[in-house]
Amino acid sequence: MAKSRGGKSKLPLATVKRIFREALGDADVRLSDDAMQMLVKYLEDLIRQIAPIAYDIARNAKRKTIRREDIETALKALKGPV
């Protein structure tokens, strides 16, 4: 099972594997444990980066609900100027 900082992953590994395989279409491919750990760590780190930015956006708009546009803005902020 993939590990995250201080323990096991909170992401459902079967779901991550399924999405990965679906992205490849009909390709007959397997995902090694090391590759899965790296992928899950990246996804968890991305969520940890997005969450506080999106939260600040919603809070500044005096909302308790983080909306899609908050996530989009957070993603753009992480990506930097294009």
C-alpha atoms as a PDB file:
ATOM      1  CA  MET A   1       0.000   0.000   0.000  1.00  0.00           C
ATOM      2  CA  ALA A   2       1.245   3.468  -0.794  1.00  0.00           C
ATOM      3  CA  LYS A   3       2.549   5.526   2.083  1.00  0.00           C
ATOM      4  CA  SER A   4       2.110   9.224   2.633  1.00  0.00           C
ATOM      5  CA  ARG A   5       3.785  11.483   5.148  1.00  0.00           C
ATOM      6  CA  GLY A   6       3.502   9.691   8.452  1.00  0.00           C
ATOM      7  CA  GLY A   7       1.385   6.750   7.356  1.00  0.00           C
ATOM      8  CA  LYS A   8      -0.815   5.098   4.798  1.00  0.00           C
ATOM      9  CA  SER A   9      -2.359   6.887   1.867  1.00  0.00           C
ATOM     10  CA  LYS A  10      -5.797   8.348   2.336  1.00  0.00           C
ATOM     11  CA  LEU A  11      -6.505   8.095  -1.387  1.00  0.00           C
ATOM     12  CA  PRO A  12      -8.252   4.911  -2.536  1.00  0.00           C
ATOM     13  CA  LEU A  13      -5.454   3.078  -4.345  1.00  0.00           C
ATOM     14  CA  ALA A  14      -7.800   0.995  -6.487  1.00  0.00           C
ATOM     15  CA  THR A  15      -9.382   4.183  -7.805  1.00  0.00           C
ATOM     16  CA  VAL A  16      -6.012   5.757  -8.594  1.00  0.00           C
ATOM     17  CA  LYS A  17      -4.949   2.585 -10.454  1.00  0.00           C
ATOM     18  CA  ARG A  18      -8.229   2.472 -12.386  1.00  0.00           C
ATOM     19  CA  ILE A  19      -7.956   6.123 -13.464  1.00  0.00           C
ATOM     20  CA  PHE A  20      -4.338   5.561 -14.509  1.00  0.00           C
ATOM     21  CA  ARG A  21      -5.267   2.518 -16.601  1.00  0.00           C
ATOM     22  CA  GLU A  22      -8.282   4.263 -18.141  1.00  0.00           C
ATOM     23  CA  ALA A  23      -6.023   7.119 -19.214  1.00  0.00           C
ATOM     24  CA  LEU A  24      -3.972   4.616 -21.214  1.00  0.00           C
ATOM     25  CA  GLY A  25      -6.959   3.101 -22.987  1.00  0.00           C
ATOM     26  CA  ASP A  26      -6.423  -0.448 -24.174  1.00  0.00           C
ATOM     27  CA  ALA A  27      -2.724  -0.567 -23.269  1.00  0.00           C
ATOM     28  CA  ASP A  28      -1.751  -3.772 -21.480  1.00  0.00           C
ATOM     29  CA  VAL A  29       0.266  -2.259 -18.645  1.00  0.00           C
ATOM     30  CA  ARG A  30       0.819  -2.748 -14.929  1.00  0.00           C
ATOM     31  CA  LEU A  31       1.758  -0.199 -12.304  1.00  0.00           C
ATOM     32  CA  SER A  32       4.583  -1.206  -9.953  1.00  0.00           C
ATOM     33  CA  ASP A  33       4.249  -0.553  -6.226  1.00  0.00           C
ATOM     34  CA  ASP A  34       7.023   2.061  -6.420  1.00  0.00           C
ATOM     35  CA  ALA A  35       5.299   3.817  -9.313  1.00  0.00           C
ATOM     36  CA  MET A  36       1.989   3.754  -7.427  1.00  0.00           C
ATOM     37  CA  GLN A  37       3.634   5.216  -4.310  1.00  0.00           C
ATOM     38  CA  MET A  38       5.154   8.031  -6.358  1.00  0.00           C
ATOM     39  CA  LEU A  39       1.861   8.788  -8.126  1.00  0.00           C
ATOM     40  CA  VAL A  40      -0.162   8.791  -4.908  1.00  0.00           C
ATOM     41  CA  LYS A  41       2.409  10.988  -3.133  1.00  0.00           C
ATOM     42  CA  TYR A  42       2.268  13.483  -6.007  1.00  0.00           C
ATOM     43  CA  LEU A  43      -1.543  13.569  -5.936  1.00  0.00           C
ATOM     44  CA  GLU A  44      -1.630  13.986  -2.159  1.00  0.00           C
ATOM     45  CA  ASP A  45       0.978  16.771  -2.320  1.00  0.00           C
ATOM     46  CA  LEU A  46      -1.024  18.508  -5.049  1.00  0.00           C
ATOM     47  CA  ILE A  47      -4.160  18.397  -2.899  1.00  0.00           C
ATOM     48  CA  ARG A  48      -2.195  19.771   0.064  1.00  0.00           C
ATOM     49  CA  GLN A  49      -1.043  22.686  -2.107  1.00  0.00           C
ATOM     50  CA  ILE A  50      -4.441  23.424  -3.642  1.00  0.00           C
ATOM     51  CA  ALA A  51      -6.524  23.211  -0.458  1.00  0.00           C
ATOM     52  CA  PRO A  52      -5.173  26.224   1.458  1.00  0.00           C
ATOM     53  CA  ILE A  53      -5.223  28.454  -1.631  1.00  0.00           C
ATOM     54  CA  ALA A  54      -8.809  27.500  -2.487  1.00  0.00           C
ATOM     55  CA  TYR A  55      -9.802  27.930   1.156  1.00  0.00           C
ATOM     56  CA  ASP A  56      -8.351  31.443   1.265  1.00  0.00           C
ATOM     57  CA  ILE A  57     -10.217  32.361  -1.914  1.00  0.00           C
ATOM     58  CA  ALA A  58     -13.532  31.138  -0.483  1.00  0.00           C
ATOM     59  CA  ARG A  59     -12.877  32.780   2.892  1.00  0.00           C
ATOM     60  CA  ASN A  60     -12.028  36.105   1.241  1.00  0.00           C
ATOM     61  CA  ALA A  61     -15.351  35.853  -0.604  1.00  0.00           C
ATOM     62  CA  LYS A  62     -17.023  35.256   2.792  1.00  0.00           C
ATOM     63  CA  ARG A  63     -18.036  31.715   1.840  1.00  0.00           C
ATOM     64  CA  LYS A  64     -17.615  28.421   3.690  1.00  0.00           C
ATOM     65  CA  THR A  65     -18.008  26.409   0.495  1.00  0.00           C
ATOM     66  CA  ILE A  66     -15.056  25.998  -1.839  1.00  0.00           C
ATOM     67  CA  ARG A  67     -16.368  26.215  -5.388  1.00  0.00           C
ATOM     68  CA  ARG A  68     -15.043  24.885  -8.639  1.00  0.00           C
ATOM     69  CA  GLU A  69     -13.756  28.300  -9.632  1.00  0.00           C
ATOM     70  CA  ASP A  70     -11.784  28.458  -6.366  1.00  0.00           C
ATOM     71  CA  ILE A  71     -10.038  25.208  -7.308  1.00  0.00           C
ATOM     72  CA  GLU A  72      -9.437  26.489 -10.848  1.00  0.00           C
ATOM     73  CA  THR A  73      -7.921  29.710  -9.498  1.00  0.00           C
ATOM     74  CA  ALA A  74      -5.753  27.742  -7.055  1.00  0.00           C
ATOM     75  CA  LEU A  75      -4.513  25.513  -9.876  1.00  0.00           C
ATOM     76  CA  LYS A  76      -3.660  28.545 -11.988  1.00  0.00           C
ATOM     77  CA  ALA A  77      -1.845  30.112  -9.034  1.00  0.00           C
ATOM     78  CA  LEU A  78       0.242  26.962  -8.588  1.00  0.00           C
ATOM     79  CA  LYS A  79       1.005  26.756 -12.279  1.00  0.00           C
ATOM     80  CA  GLY A  80       2.259  30.325 -12.347  1.00  0.00           C
ATOM     81  CA  PRO A  81       2.186  32.725 -15.250  1.00  0.00           C
ATOM     82  CA  VAL A  82       2.029  31.096 -18.649  1.00  0.00           C
END
